[in-house]
PDB file of N, CA and C in Angstrom:
ATOM      1  N   MET A   1      87.342 122.894  99.279  1.00  0.00           N
ATOM      2  CA  MET A   1      88.146 121.713  99.018  1.00  0.00           C
ATOM      3  C   MET A   1      87.342 120.703  98.204  1.00  0.00           C
ATOM      4  N   PHE A   2      88.025 119.728  97.698  1.00  0.00           N
ATOM      5  CA  PHE A   2      87.414 118.711  96.844  1.00  0.00           C
ATOM      6  C   PHE A   2      86.720 117.635  97.681  1.00  0.00           C
ATOM      7  N   THR A   3      85.853 116.884  97.013  1.00  0.00           N
ATOM      8  CA  THR A   3      85.131 115.790  97.655  1.00  0.00           C
ATOM      9  C   THR A   3      85.393 114.486  96.896  1.00  0.00           C
ATOM     10  N   VAL A   4      85.096 113.380  97.544  1.00  0.00           N
ATOM     11  CA  VAL A   4      85.217 112.082  96.883  1.00  0.00           C
ATOM     12  C   VAL A   4      84.256 112.023  95.697  1.00  0.00           C
ATOM     13  N   THR A   5      83.084 112.633  95.836  1.00  0.00           N
ATOM     14  CA  THR A   5      82.110 112.657  94.742  1.00  0.00           C
ATOM     15  C   THR A   5      82.685 113.350  93.509  1.00  0.00           C
ATOM     16  N   GLN A   6      83.361 114.472  93.700  1.00  0.00           N
ATOM     17  CA  GLN A   6      83.984 115.176  92.570  1.00  0.00           C
ATOM     18  C   GLN A   6      85.062 114.307  91.912  1.00  0.00           C
ATOM     19  N   ILE A   7      85.838 113.629  92.726  1.00  0.00           N
ATOM     20  CA  ILE A   7      86.895 112.771  92.194  1.00  0.00           C
ATOM     21  C   ILE A   7      86.285 111.598  91.431  1.00  0.00           C
ATOM     22  N   LYS A   8      85.214 111.007  91.986  1.00  0.00           N
ATOM     23  CA  LYS A   8      84.527 109.914  91.284  1.00  0.00           C
ATOM     24  C   LYS A   8      83.999 110.379  89.933  1.00  0.00           C
ATOM     25  N   GLN A   9      83.481 111.595  89.887  1.00  0.00           N
ATOM     26  CA  GLN A   9      82.975 112.133  88.625  1.00  0.00           C
ATOM     27  C   GLN A   9      84.105 112.231  87.599  1.00  0.00           C
ATOM     28  N   ALA A  10      85.248 112.731  88.017  1.00  0.00           N
ATOM     29  CA  ALA A  10      86.397 112.816  87.109  1.00  0.00           C
ATOM     30  C   ALA A  10      86.839 111.417  86.680  1.00  0.00           C
ATOM     31  N   HIS A  11      86.792 110.476  87.619  1.00  0.00           N
ATOM     32  CA  HIS A  11      87.230 109.109  87.324  1.00  0.00           C
ATOM     33  C   HIS A  11      86.264 108.378  86.396  1.00  0.00           C
ATOM     34  N   SER A  12      85.023 108.826  86.333  1.00  0.00           N
ATOM     35  CA  SER A  12      84.028 108.160  85.476  1.00  0.00           C
ATOM     36  C   SER A  12      84.403 108.242  83.996  1.00  0.00           C
ATOM     37  N   ASN A  13      85.289 109.154  83.651  1.00  0.00           N
ATOM     38  CA  ASN A  13      85.750 109.293  82.270  1.00  0.00           C
ATOM     39  C   ASN A  13      86.897 108.344  81.930  1.00  0.00           C
ATOM     40  N   VAL A  14      87.422 107.645  82.935  1.00  0.00           N
ATOM     41  CA  VAL A  14      88.555 106.747  82.726  1.00  0.00           C
ATOM     42  C   VAL A  14      88.041 105.365  82.329  1.00  0.00           C
ATOM     43  N   LYS A  15      88.384 104.948  81.149  1.00  0.00           N
ATOM     44  CA  LYS A  15      87.992 103.618  80.664  1.00  0.00           C
ATOM     45  C   LYS A  15      89.173 102.651  80.666  1.00  0.00           C
ATOM     46  N   SER A  16      90.385 103.184  80.588  1.00  0.00           N
ATOM     47  CA  SER A  16      91.595 102.350  80.603  1.00  0.00           C
ATOM     48  C   SER A  16      92.767 103.211  81.057  1.00  0.00           C
ATOM     49  N   GLY A  17      93.930 102.586  81.157  1.00  0.00           N
ATOM     50  CA  GLY A  17      95.133 103.317  81.547  1.00  0.00           C
ATOM     51  C   GLY A  17      95.483 104.443  80.598  1.00  0.00           C
ATOM     52  N   ALA A  18      94.999 104.354  79.374  1.00  0.00           N
ATOM     53  CA  ALA A  18      95.276 105.406  78.391  1.00  0.00           C
ATOM     54  C   ALA A  18      94.632 106.735  78.790  1.00  0.00           C
ATOM     55  N   ASP A  19      93.584 106.671  79.625  1.00  0.00           N
ATOM     56  CA  ASP A  19      92.871 107.881  80.052  1.00  0.00           C
ATOM     57  C   ASP A  19      93.461 108.510  81.316  1.00  0.00           C
ATOM     58  N   PHE A  20      94.468 107.879  81.894  1.00  0.00           N
ATOM     59  CA  PHE A  20      95.039 108.310  83.169  1.00  0.00           C
ATOM     60  C   PHE A  20      95.561 109.748  83.162  1.00  0.00           C
ATOM     61  N   PRO A  21      96.335 110.186  82.168  1.00  0.00           N
ATOM     62  CA  PRO A  21      96.847 111.565  82.203  1.00  0.00           C
ATOM     63  C   PRO A  21      95.741 112.627  82.256  1.00  0.00           C
ATOM     64  N   ALA A  22      94.654 112.422  81.532  1.00  0.00           N
ATOM     65  CA  ALA A  22      93.551 113.390  81.557  1.00  0.00           C
ATOM     66  C   ALA A  22      92.881 113.406  82.929  1.00  0.00           C
ATOM     67  N   TYR A  23      92.743 112.239  83.540  1.00  0.00           N
ATOM     68  CA  TYR A  23      92.169 112.138  84.882  1.00  0.00           C
ATOM     69  C   TYR A  23      93.028 112.907  85.889  1.00  0.00           C
ATOM     70  N   ILE A  24      94.329 112.738  85.818  1.00  0.00           N
ATOM     71  CA  ILE A  24      95.239 113.440  86.726  1.00  0.00           C
ATOM     72  C   ILE A  24      95.087 114.949  86.566  1.00  0.00           C
ATOM     73  N   LYS A  25      95.006 115.398  85.344  1.00  0.00           N
ATOM     74  CA  LYS A  25      94.824 116.827  85.076  1.00  0.00           C
ATOM     75  C   LYS A  25      93.521 117.329  85.710  1.00  0.00           C
ATOM     76  N   ASP A  26      92.459 116.542  85.589  1.00  0.00           N
ATOM     77  CA  ASP A  26      91.156 116.926  86.143  1.00  0.00           C
ATOM     78  C   ASP A  26      91.183 117.016  87.664  1.00  0.00           C
ATOM     79  N   ILE A  27      91.767 116.013  88.336  1.00  0.00           N
ATOM     80  CA  ILE A  27      91.736 116.070  89.800  1.00  0.00           C
ATOM     81  C   ILE A  27      92.751 117.064  90.352  1.00  0.00           C
ATOM     82  N   LYS A  28      93.795 117.319  89.601  1.00  0.00           N
ATOM     83  CA  LYS A  28      94.733 118.375  90.000  1.00  0.00           C
ATOM     84  C   LYS A  28      94.001 119.715  90.006  1.00  0.00           C
ATOM     85  N   ALA A  29      93.149 119.934  89.017  1.00  0.00           N
ATOM     86  CA  ALA A  29      92.368 121.173  88.942  1.00  0.00           C
ATOM     87  C   ALA A  29      91.394 121.297  90.116  1.00  0.00           C
ATOM     88  N   LEU A  30      90.975 120.163  90.692  1.00  0.00           N
ATOM     89  CA  LEU A  30      90.092 120.184  91.862  1.00  0.00           C
ATOM     90  C   LEU A  30      90.839 120.572  93.138  1.00  0.00           C
ATOM     91  N   GLY A  31      92.176 120.450  93.118  1.00  0.00           N
ATOM     92  CA  GLY A  31      92.973 120.776  94.298  1.00  0.00           C
ATOM     93  C   GLY A  31      93.689 119.593  94.918  1.00  0.00           C
ATOM     94  N   VAL A  32      93.595 118.420  94.294  1.00  0.00           N
ATOM     95  CA  VAL A  32      94.324 117.256  94.801  1.00  0.00           C
ATOM     96  C   VAL A  32      95.817 117.484  94.537  1.00  0.00           C
ATOM     97  N   THR A  33      96.627 117.332  95.588  1.00  0.00           N
ATOM     98  CA  THR A  33      98.071 117.525  95.443  1.00  0.00           C
ATOM     99  C   THR A  33      98.845 116.206  95.434  1.00  0.00           C
ATOM    100  N   TYR A  34      98.223 115.160  95.993  1.00  0.00           N
ATOM    101  CA  TYR A  34      98.899 113.872  96.143  1.00  0.00           C
ATOM    102  C   TYR A  34      97.836 112.836  96.461  1.00  0.00           C
ATOM    103  N   TYR A  35      98.032 111.614  96.002  1.00  0.00           N
ATOM    104  CA  TYR A  35      97.151 110.545  96.466  1.00  0.00           C
ATOM    105  C   TYR A  35      97.850 109.203  96.430  1.00  0.00           C
ATOM    106  N   GLU A  36      97.338 108.286  97.259  1.00  0.00           N
ATOM    107  CA  GLU A  36      97.850 106.925  97.328  1.00  0.00           C
ATOM    108  C   GLU A  36      96.686 105.962  97.142  1.00  0.00           C
ATOM    109  N   THR A  37      96.829 105.047  96.189  1.00  0.00           N
ATOM    110  CA  THR A  37      95.821 104.016  95.957  1.00  0.00           C
ATOM    111  C   THR A  37      96.390 102.681  96.404  1.00  0.00           C
ATOM    112  N   TYR A  38      95.619 101.973  97.227  1.00  0.00           N
ATOM    113  CA  TYR A  38      96.043 100.696  97.790  1.00  0.00           C
ATOM    114  C   TYR A  38      95.440  99.546  96.988  1.00  0.00           C
ATOM    115  N   VAL A  39      96.302  98.717  96.435  1.00  0.00           N
ATOM    116  CA  VAL A  39      95.885  97.620  95.568  1.00  0.00           C
ATOM    117  C   VAL A  39      95.019  96.609  96.322  1.00  0.00           C
ATOM    118  N   ALA A  40      95.283  96.386  97.599  1.00  0.00           N
ATOM    119  CA  ALA A  40      94.582  95.351  98.358  1.00  0.00           C
ATOM    120  C   ALA A  40      93.061  95.484  98.293  1.00  0.00           C
ATOM    121  N   ASP A  41      92.541  96.707  98.391  1.00  0.00           N
ATOM    122  CA  ASP A  41      91.080  96.879  98.368  1.00  0.00           C
ATOM    123  C   ASP A  41      90.610  98.043  97.498  1.00  0.00           C
ATOM    124  N   GLY A  42      91.538  98.759  96.900  1.00  0.00           N
ATOM    125  CA  GLY A  42      91.175  99.837  95.984  1.00  0.00           C
ATOM    126  C   GLY A  42      90.850 101.168  96.626  1.00  0.00           C
ATOM    127  N   HIS A  43      90.960 101.278  97.962  1.00  0.00           N
ATOM    128  CA  HIS A  43      90.679 102.595  98.555  1.00  0.00           C
ATOM    129  C   HIS A  43      91.837 103.541  98.256  1.00  0.00           C
ATOM    130  N   THR A  44      91.521 104.819  98.254  1.00  0.00           N
ATOM    131  CA  THR A  44      92.514 105.846  97.956  1.00  0.00           C
ATOM    132  C   THR A  44      92.457 106.932  99.013  1.00  0.00           C
ATOM    133  N   ASP A  45      93.621 107.391  99.443  1.00  0.00           N
ATOM    134  CA  ASP A  45      93.743 108.552 100.325  1.00  0.00           C
ATOM    135  C   ASP A  45      94.169 109.730  99.461  1.00  0.00           C
ATOM    136  N   TYR A  46      93.358 110.803  99.482  1.00  0.00           N
ATOM    137  CA  TYR A  46      93.624 112.000  98.683  1.00  0.00           C
ATOM    138  C   TYR A  46      94.046 113.134  99.607  1.00  0.00           C
ATOM    139  N   TYR A  47      95.025 113.906  99.160  1.00  0.00           N
ATOM    140  CA  TYR A  47      95.558 115.006  99.958  1.00  0.00           C
ATOM    141  C   TYR A  47      95.467 116.308  99.176  1.00  0.00           C
ATOM    142  N   GLY A  48      95.238 117.396  99.936  1.00  0.00           N
ATOM    143  CA  GLY A  48      95.192 118.721  99.345  1.00  0.00           C
ATOM    144  C   GLY A  48      95.942 119.707 100.217  1.00  0.00           C
ATOM    145  N   ALA A  49      95.762 120.973  99.934  1.00  0.00           N
ATOM    146  CA  ALA A  49      96.447 122.033 100.681  1.00  0.00           C
ATOM    147  C   ALA A  49      96.011 122.036 102.146  1.00  0.00           C
ATOM    148  N   ASP A  50      96.857 122.600 102.989  1.00  0.00           N
ATOM    149  CA  ASP A  50      96.568 122.775 104.414  1.00  0.00           C
ATOM    150  C   ASP A  50      96.209 121.469 105.118  1.00  0.00           C
ATOM    151  N   ASP A  51      96.935 120.407 104.812  1.00  0.00           N
ATOM    152  CA  ASP A  51      96.750 119.095 105.441  1.00  0.00           C
ATOM    153  C   ASP A  51      95.362 118.489 105.220  1.00  0.00           C
ATOM    154  N   TYR A  52      94.673 118.925 104.176  1.00  0.00           N
ATOM    155  CA  TYR A  52      93.365 118.359 103.858  1.00  0.00           C
ATOM    156  C   TYR A  52      93.552 116.920 103.386  1.00  0.00           C
ATOM    157  N   ARG A  53      92.688 116.016 103.872  1.00  0.00           N
ATOM    158  CA  ARG A  53      92.775 114.602 103.496  1.00  0.00           C
ATOM    159  C   ARG A  53      91.390 113.981 103.530  1.00  0.00           C
ATOM    160  N   ILE A  54      91.073 113.225 102.491  1.00  0.00           N
ATOM    161  CA  ILE A  54      89.858 112.423 102.472  1.00  0.00           C
ATOM    162  C   ILE A  54      90.214 111.047 101.911  1.00  0.00           C
ATOM    163  N   SER A  55      89.373 110.074 102.213  1.00  0.00           N
ATOM    164  CA  SER A  55      89.616 108.713 101.732  1.00  0.00           C
ATOM    165  C   SER A  55      88.363 108.169 101.071  1.00  0.00           C
ATOM    166  N   SER A  56      88.570 107.399 100.034  1.00  0.00           N
ATOM    167  CA  SER A  56      87.452 106.707  99.401  1.00  0.00           C
ATOM    168  C   SER A  56      87.235 105.374 100.118  1.00  0.00           C
ATOM    169  N   VAL A  57      86.092 104.784  99.878  1.00  0.00           N
ATOM    170  CA  VAL A  57      85.799 103.473 100.447  1.00  0.00           C
ATOM    171  C   VAL A  57      86.473 102.404  99.588  1.00  0.00           C
ATOM    172  N   PRO A  58      86.668 101.206 100.135  1.00  0.00           N
ATOM    173  CA  PRO A  58      87.212 100.117  99.314  1.00  0.00           C
ATOM    174  C   PRO A  58      86.333  99.879  98.084  1.00  0.00           C
ATOM    175  N   ARG A  59      86.965  99.516  96.971  1.00  0.00           N
ATOM    176  CA  ARG A  59      86.247  99.351  95.702  1.00  0.00           C
ATOM    177  C   ARG A  59      85.939  97.901  95.367  1.00  0.00           C
ATOM    178  N   TYR A  60      86.604  96.966  96.037  1.00  0.00           N
ATOM    179  CA  TYR A  60      86.408  95.547  95.725  1.00  0.00           C
ATOM    180  C   TYR A  60      86.871  94.720  96.921  1.00  0.00           C
ATOM    181  N   ASN A  61      86.575  93.419  96.890  1.00  0.00           N
ATOM    182  CA  ASN A  61      87.001  92.522  97.959  1.00  0.00           C
ATOM    183  C   ASN A  61      88.523  92.472  98.021  1.00  0.00           C
ATOM    184  N   ALA A  62      89.021  92.253  99.221  1.00  0.00           N
ATOM    185  CA  ALA A  62      90.466  92.299  99.462  1.00  0.00           C
ATOM    186  C   ALA A  62      91.234  91.290  98.609  1.00  0.00           C
ATOM    187  N   LEU A  63      92.353  91.764  98.075  1.00  0.00           N
ATOM    188  CA  LEU A  63      93.276  90.940  97.300  1.00  0.00           C
ATOM    189  C   LEU A  63      94.528  90.689  98.134  1.00  0.00           C
ATOM    190  N   ASP A  64      95.110  89.529  97.978  1.00  0.00           N
ATOM    191  CA  ASP A  64      96.392  89.244  98.620  1.00  0.00           C
ATOM    192  C   ASP A  64      97.503  89.823  97.756  1.00  0.00           C
ATOM    193  N   ILE A  65      98.437  90.506  98.404  1.00  0.00           N
ATOM    194  CA  ILE A  65      99.583  91.085  97.704  1.00  0.00           C
ATOM    195  C   ILE A  65     100.767  90.135  97.859  1.00  0.00           C
ATOM    196  N   ALA A  66     101.382  89.766  96.754  1.00  0.00           N
ATOM    197  CA  ALA A  66     102.554  88.882  96.803  1.00  0.00           C
ATOM    198  C   ALA A  66     103.668  89.533  97.614  1.00  0.00           C
ATOM    199  N   ASP A  67     104.405  88.714  98.345  1.00  0.00           N
ATOM    200  CA  ASP A  67     105.482  89.236  99.191  1.00  0.00           C
ATOM    201  C   ASP A  67     106.648  89.802  98.391  1.00  0.00           C
ATOM    202  N   ALA A  68     106.983  89.155  97.299  1.00  0.00           N
ATOM    203  CA  ALA A  68     108.134  89.593  96.496  1.00  0.00           C
ATOM    204  C   ALA A  68     107.643  90.116  95.147  1.00  0.00           C
ATOM    205  N   PRO A  69     108.059  91.314  94.777  1.00  0.00           N
ATOM    206  CA  PRO A  69     107.610  91.866  93.497  1.00  0.00           C
ATOM    207  C   PRO A  69     108.318  91.229  92.300  1.00  0.00           C
ATOM    208  N   ASP A  70     107.581  91.123  91.211  1.00  0.00           N
ATOM    209  CA  ASP A  70     108.143  90.711  89.920  1.00  0.00           C
ATOM    210  C   ASP A  70     108.174  91.979  89.067  1.00  0.00           C
ATOM    211  N   ILE A  71     109.254  92.717  89.193  1.00  0.00           N
ATOM    212  CA  ILE A  71     109.349  94.054  88.608  1.00  0.00           C
ATOM    213  C   ILE A  71     109.253  94.028  87.090  1.00  0.00           C
ATOM    214  N   GLU A  72     109.967  93.137  86.457  1.00  0.00           N
ATOM    215  CA  GLU A  72     109.970  93.124  84.986  1.00  0.00           C
ATOM    216  C   GLU A  72     108.597  92.776  84.422  1.00  0.00           C
ATOM    217  N   GLN A  73     107.917  91.796  85.018  1.00  0.00           N
ATOM    218  CA  GLN A  73     106.581  91.450  84.531  1.00  0.00           C
ATOM    219  C   GLN A  73     105.604  92.584  84.818  1.00  0.00           C
ATOM    220  N   PHE A  74     105.762  93.258  85.967  1.00  0.00           N
ATOM    221  CA  PHE A  74     104.897  94.393  86.269  1.00  0.00           C
ATOM    222  C   PHE A  74     105.044  95.475  85.203  1.00  0.00           C
ATOM    223  N   LYS A  75     106.261  95.760  84.788  1.00  0.00           N
ATOM    224  CA  LYS A  75     106.484  96.775  83.749  1.00  0.00           C
ATOM    225  C   LYS A  75     105.766  96.404  82.453  1.00  0.00           C
ATOM    226  N   VAL A  76     105.811  95.126  82.089  1.00  0.00           N
ATOM    227  CA  VAL A  76     105.134  94.655  80.872  1.00  0.00           C
ATOM    228  C   VAL A  76     103.621  94.842  81.007  1.00  0.00           C
ATOM    229  N   ASP A  77     103.070  94.419  82.150  1.00  0.00           N
ATOM    230  CA  ASP A  77     101.625  94.503  82.348  1.00  0.00           C
ATOM    231  C   ASP A  77     101.154  95.944  82.501  1.00  0.00           C
ATOM    232  N   LEU A  78     101.966  96.784  83.125  1.00  0.00           N
ATOM    233  CA  LEU A  78     101.628  98.198  83.249  1.00  0.00           C
ATOM    234  C   LEU A  78     101.559  98.853  81.875  1.00  0.00           C
ATOM    235  N   LYS A  79     102.526  98.567  81.041  1.00  0.00           N
ATOM    236  CA  LYS A  79     102.535  99.143  79.690  1.00  0.00           C
ATOM    237  C   LYS A  79     101.286  98.722  78.918  1.00  0.00           C
ATOM    238  N   ALA A  80     100.925  97.457  79.028  1.00  0.00           N
ATOM    239  CA  ALA A  80      99.716  96.971  78.351  1.00  0.00           C
ATOM    240  C   ALA A  80      98.487  97.717  78.859  1.00  0.00           C
ATOM    241  N   HIS A  81      98.420  97.923  80.167  1.00  0.00           N
ATOM    242  CA  HIS A  81      97.281  98.648  80.753  1.00  0.00           C
ATOM    243  C   HIS A  81      97.260 100.100  80.268  1.00  0.00           C
ATOM    244  N   GLN A  82      98.404 100.727  80.248  1.00  0.00           N
ATOM    245  CA  GLN A  82      98.480 102.122  79.808  1.00  0.00           C
ATOM    246  C   GLN A  82      98.094 102.281  78.343  1.00  0.00           C
ATOM    247  N   GLN A  83      98.239 101.234  77.574  1.00  0.00           N
ATOM    248  CA  GLN A  83      97.866 101.278  76.160  1.00  0.00           C
ATOM    249  C   GLN A  83      96.415 100.853  75.933  1.00  0.00           C
ATOM    250  N   GLY A  84      95.683 100.666  77.045  1.00  0.00           N
ATOM    251  CA  GLY A  84      94.266 100.352  76.939  1.00  0.00           C
ATOM    252  C   GLY A  84      93.951  98.887  76.710  1.00  0.00           C
ATOM    253  N   GLU A  85      94.924  98.011  76.919  1.00  0.00           N
ATOM    254  CA  GLU A  85      94.717  96.586  76.657  1.00  0.00           C
ATOM    255  C   GLU A  85      94.033  95.845  77.803  1.00  0.00           C
ATOM    256  N   THR A  86      94.004  96.447  79.007  1.00  0.00           N
ATOM    257  CA  THR A  86      93.336  95.815  80.146  1.00  0.00           C
ATOM    258  C   THR A  86      92.483  96.836  80.873  1.00  0.00           C
ATOM    259  N   ASP A  87      91.447  96.347  81.559  1.00  0.00           N
ATOM    260  CA  ASP A  87      90.628  97.239  82.376  1.00  0.00           C
ATOM    261  C   ASP A  87      91.249  97.361  83.773  1.00  0.00           C
ATOM    262  N   TYR A  88      90.648  98.207  84.595  1.00  0.00           N
ATOM    263  CA  TYR A  88      91.212  98.508  85.906  1.00  0.00           C
ATOM    264  C   TYR A  88      91.277  97.276  86.806  1.00  0.00           C
ATOM    265  N   LEU A  89      90.186  96.508  86.878  1.00  0.00           N
ATOM    266  CA  LEU A  89      90.177  95.353  87.773  1.00  0.00           C
ATOM    267  C   LEU A  89      91.201  94.302  87.358  1.00  0.00           C
ATOM    268  N   THR A  90      91.399  94.131  86.079  1.00  0.00           N
ATOM    269  CA  THR A  90      92.442  93.219  85.604  1.00  0.00           C
ATOM    270  C   THR A  90      93.811  93.731  86.036  1.00  0.00           C
ATOM    271  N   PHE A  91      94.016  95.033  85.878  1.00  0.00           N
ATOM    272  CA  PHE A  91      95.300  95.632  86.242  1.00  0.00           C
ATOM    273  C   PHE A  91      95.598  95.477  87.732  1.00  0.00           C
ATOM    274  N   VAL A  92      94.619  95.754  88.598  1.00  0.00           N
ATOM    275  CA  VAL A  92      94.903  95.644  90.034  1.00  0.00           C
ATOM    276  C   VAL A  92      95.095  94.190  90.452  1.00  0.00           C
ATOM    277  N   GLY A  93      94.350  93.273  89.838  1.00  0.00           N
ATOM    278  CA  GLY A  93      94.540  91.855  90.148  1.00  0.00           C
ATOM    279  C   GLY A  93      95.940  91.393  89.788  1.00  0.00           C
ATOM    280  N   THR A  94      96.392  91.802  88.622  1.00  0.00           N
ATOM    281  CA  THR A  94      97.749  91.476  88.182  1.00  0.00           C
ATOM    282  C   THR A  94      98.782  92.144  89.085  1.00  0.00           C
ATOM    283  N   SER A  95      98.542  93.399  89.433  1.00  0.00           N
ATOM    284  CA  SER A  95      99.476  94.129  90.303  1.00  0.00           C
ATOM    285  C   SER A  95      99.641  93.422  91.641  1.00  0.00           C
ATOM    286  N   ALA A  96      98.537  92.952  92.220  1.00  0.00           N
ATOM    287  CA  ALA A  96      98.596  92.237  93.500  1.00  0.00           C
ATOM    288  C   ALA A  96      99.451  90.978  93.371  1.00  0.00           C
ATOM    289  N   LYS A  97      99.221  90.210  92.319  1.00  0.00           N
ATOM    290  CA  LYS A  97      99.980  88.970  92.109  1.00  0.00           C
ATOM    291  C   LYS A  97     101.463  89.242  91.880  1.00  0.00           C
ATOM    292  N   LEU A  98     101.759  90.433  91.360  1.00  0.00           N
ATOM    293  CA  LEU A  98     103.150  90.790  91.068  1.00  0.00           C
ATOM    294  C   LEU A  98     103.808  91.584  92.195  1.00  0.00           C
ATOM    295  N   GLY A  99     103.118  91.693  93.348  1.00  0.00           N
ATOM    296  CA  GLY A  99     103.733  92.282  94.531  1.00  0.00           C
ATOM    297  C   GLY A  99     103.667  93.786  94.653  1.00  0.00           C
ATOM    298  N   ILE A 100     102.724  94.426  93.974  1.00  0.00           N
ATOM    299  CA  ILE A 100     102.571  95.879  94.084  1.00  0.00           C
ATOM    300  C   ILE A 100     101.534  96.177  95.161  1.00  0.00           C
ATOM    301  N   GLU A 101     101.943  96.879  96.212  1.00  0.00           N
ATOM    302  CA  GLU A 101     101.028  97.196  97.307  1.00  0.00           C
ATOM    303  C   GLU A 101     100.216  98.457  97.040  1.00  0.00           C
ATOM    304  N   LYS A 102     100.865  99.468  96.459  1.00  0.00           N
ATOM    305  CA  LYS A 102     100.169 100.737  96.225  1.00  0.00           C
ATOM    306  C   LYS A 102     100.909 101.526  95.173  1.00  0.00           C
ATOM    307  N   TRP A 103     100.232 102.580  94.713  1.00  0.00           N
ATOM    308  CA  TRP A 103     100.913 103.586  93.908  1.00  0.00           C
ATOM    309  C   TRP A 103     100.552 104.944  94.460  1.00  0.00           C
ATOM    310  N   ALA A 104     101.475 105.864  94.313  1.00  0.00           N
ATOM    311  CA  ALA A 104     101.308 107.221  94.824  1.00  0.00           C
ATOM    312  C   ALA A 104     101.549 108.202  93.690  1.00  0.00           C
ATOM    313  N   VAL A 105     100.644 109.165  93.577  1.00  0.00           N
ATOM    314  CA  VAL A 105     100.748 110.170  92.524  1.00  0.00           C
ATOM    315  C   VAL A 105     101.021 111.523  93.163  1.00  0.00           C
ATOM    316  N   CYS A 106     102.086 112.164  92.709  1.00  0.00           N
ATOM    317  CA  CYS A 106     102.466 113.493  93.175  1.00  0.00           C
ATOM    318  C   CYS A 106     102.183 114.485  92.054  1.00  0.00           C
ATOM    319  N   MET A 107     101.242 115.398  92.294  1.00  0.00           N
ATOM    320  CA  MET A 107     100.856 116.357  91.262  1.00  0.00           C
ATOM    321  C   MET A 107     101.962 117.376  90.990  1.00  0.00           C
ATOM    322  N   GLU A 108     102.713 117.738  92.028  1.00  0.00           N
ATOM    323  CA  GLU A 108     103.786 118.717  91.849  1.00  0.00           C
ATOM    324  C   GLU A 108     104.864 118.181  90.905  1.00  0.00           C
ATOM    325  N   LYS A 109     105.274 116.936  91.135  1.00  0.00           N
ATOM    326  CA  LYS A 109     106.314 116.326  90.303  1.00  0.00           C
ATOM    327  C   LYS A 109     105.737 115.668  89.052  1.00  0.00           C
ATOM    328  N   MET A 110     104.419 115.468  89.028  1.00  0.00           N
ATOM    329  CA  MET A 110     103.728 114.737  87.957  1.00  0.00           C
ATOM    330  C   MET A 110     104.372 113.364  87.765  1.00  0.00           C
ATOM    331  N   THR A 111     104.432 112.633  88.901  1.00  0.00           N
ATOM    332  CA  THR A 111     104.968 111.277  88.885  1.00  0.00           C
ATOM    333  C   THR A 111     103.975 110.313  89.517  1.00  0.00           C
ATOM    334  N   CYS A 112     104.091 109.067  89.113  1.00  0.00           N
ATOM    335  CA  CYS A 112     103.354 107.966  89.720  1.00  0.00           C
ATOM    336  C   CYS A 112     104.398 106.946  90.150  1.00  0.00           C
ATOM    337  N   THR A 113     104.430 106.667  91.454  1.00  0.00           N
ATOM    338  CA  THR A 113     105.429 105.770  92.018  1.00  0.00           C
ATOM    339  C   THR A 113     104.739 104.521  92.551  1.00  0.00           C
ATOM    340  N   TYR A 114     105.240 103.370  92.170  1.00  0.00           N
ATOM    341  CA  TYR A 114     104.691 102.081  92.589  1.00  0.00           C
ATOM    342  C   TYR A 114     105.579 101.503  93.675  1.00  0.00           C
ATOM    343  N   TYR A 115     104.941 100.919  94.720  1.00  0.00           N
ATOM    344  CA  TYR A 115     105.662 100.405  95.884  1.00  0.00           C
ATOM    345  C   TYR A 115     105.311  98.945  96.148  1.00  0.00           C
ATOM    346  N   ASP A 116     106.263  98.211  96.732  1.00  0.00           N
ATOM    347  CA  ASP A 116     105.984  96.851  97.185  1.00  0.00           C
ATOM    348  C   ASP A 116     105.566  96.878  98.653  1.00  0.00           C
ATOM    349  N   LYS A 117     105.311  95.699  99.230  1.00  0.00           N
ATOM    350  CA  LYS A 117     104.844  95.605 100.618  1.00  0.00           C
ATOM    351  C   LYS A 117     105.848  96.140 101.627  1.00  0.00           C
ATOM    352  N   ALA A 118     107.127  96.084 101.287  1.00  0.00           N
ATOM    353  CA  ALA A 118     108.169  96.569 102.194  1.00  0.00           C
ATOM    354  C   ALA A 118     108.356  98.084 102.100  1.00  0.00           C
ATOM    355  N   GLY A 119     107.593  98.741 101.215  1.00  0.00           N
ATOM    356  CA  GLY A 119     107.713 100.184 101.051  1.00  0.00           C
ATOM    357  C   GLY A 119     108.802 100.606 100.086  1.00  0.00           C
ATOM    358  N   ASN A 120     109.367  99.661  99.360  1.00  0.00           N
ATOM    359  CA  ASN A 120     110.407  99.979  98.383  1.00  0.00           C
ATOM    360  C   ASN A 120     109.790 100.532  97.106  1.00  0.00           C
ATOM    361  N   GLU A 121     110.438 101.548  96.545  1.00  0.00           N
ATOM    362  CA  GLU A 121     110.012 102.059  95.243  1.00  0.00           C
ATOM    363  C   GLU A 121     110.335 101.008  94.191  1.00  0.00           C
ATOM    364  N   ILE A 122     109.326 100.614  93.436  1.00  0.00           N
ATOM    365  CA  ILE A 122     109.503  99.619  92.382  1.00  0.00           C
ATOM    366  C   ILE A 122     109.708 100.302  91.039  1.00  0.00           C
ATOM    367  N   LEU A 123     108.957 101.370  90.818  1.00  0.00           N
ATOM    368  CA  LEU A 123     109.010 102.074  89.544  1.00  0.00           C
ATOM    369  C   LEU A 123     108.488 103.485  89.755  1.00  0.00           C
ATOM    370  N   VAL A 124     109.165 104.461  89.166  1.00  0.00           N
ATOM    371  CA  VAL A 124     108.695 105.846  89.167  1.00  0.00           C
ATOM    372  C   VAL A 124     108.504 106.249  87.714  1.00  0.00           C
ATOM    373  N   GLU A 125     107.301 106.703  87.395  1.00  0.00           N
ATOM    374  CA  GLU A 125     107.001 107.128  86.029  1.00  0.00           C
ATOM    375  C   GLU A 125     106.582 108.584  86.010  1.00  0.00           C
ATOM    376  N   GLU A 126     106.987 109.276  84.972  1.00  0.00           N
ATOM    377  CA  GLU A 126     106.487 110.626  84.754  1.00  0.00           C
ATOM    378  C   GLU A 126     105.131 110.520  84.081  1.00  0.00           C
ATOM    379  N   ILE A 127     104.198 111.359  84.510  1.00  0.00           N
ATOM    380  CA  ILE A 127     102.860 111.379  83.923  1.00  0.00           C
ATOM    381  C   ILE A 127     102.877 112.352  82.756  1.00  0.00           C
ATOM    382  N   PRO A 128     102.476 111.905  81.570  1.00  0.00           N
ATOM    383  CA  PRO A 128     102.444 112.815  80.414  1.00  0.00           C
ATOM    384  C   PRO A 128     101.517 113.999  80.684  1.00  0.00           C
ATOM    385  N   GLN A 129     101.947 115.171  80.225  1.00  0.00           N
ATOM    386  CA  GLN A 129     101.129 116.368  80.457  1.00  0.00           C
ATOM    387  C   GLN A 129     100.548 116.881  79.165  1.00  0.00           C
TER     388      GLN A 129
END
């Protein structure tokens, strides 16, 4: 099974949101089937076959997540991030202010789904292959 160290190595190639599809391809090859990243502290829960699960440590000091999402502004800021206009810490800070609690990536469906604090789906995107 995969390790957090292997995932970190794959993630070291990510400089902006534009690098996200290649990162997904790399960790899928390691055996990751699904993961959830929490905006509040940056930790991620990774899942694999046979109920395998590992978690990363928090990546930064805790952020407050807004209670109500601003969906339209999030879409604008997400697009900018995906085009390489912002770095990761800027993106998560903005996401927190706009009410995004986490995102979940499903390797089978090749989707990334963003959720608010109430667990509502805010946006589902297909990951380019």
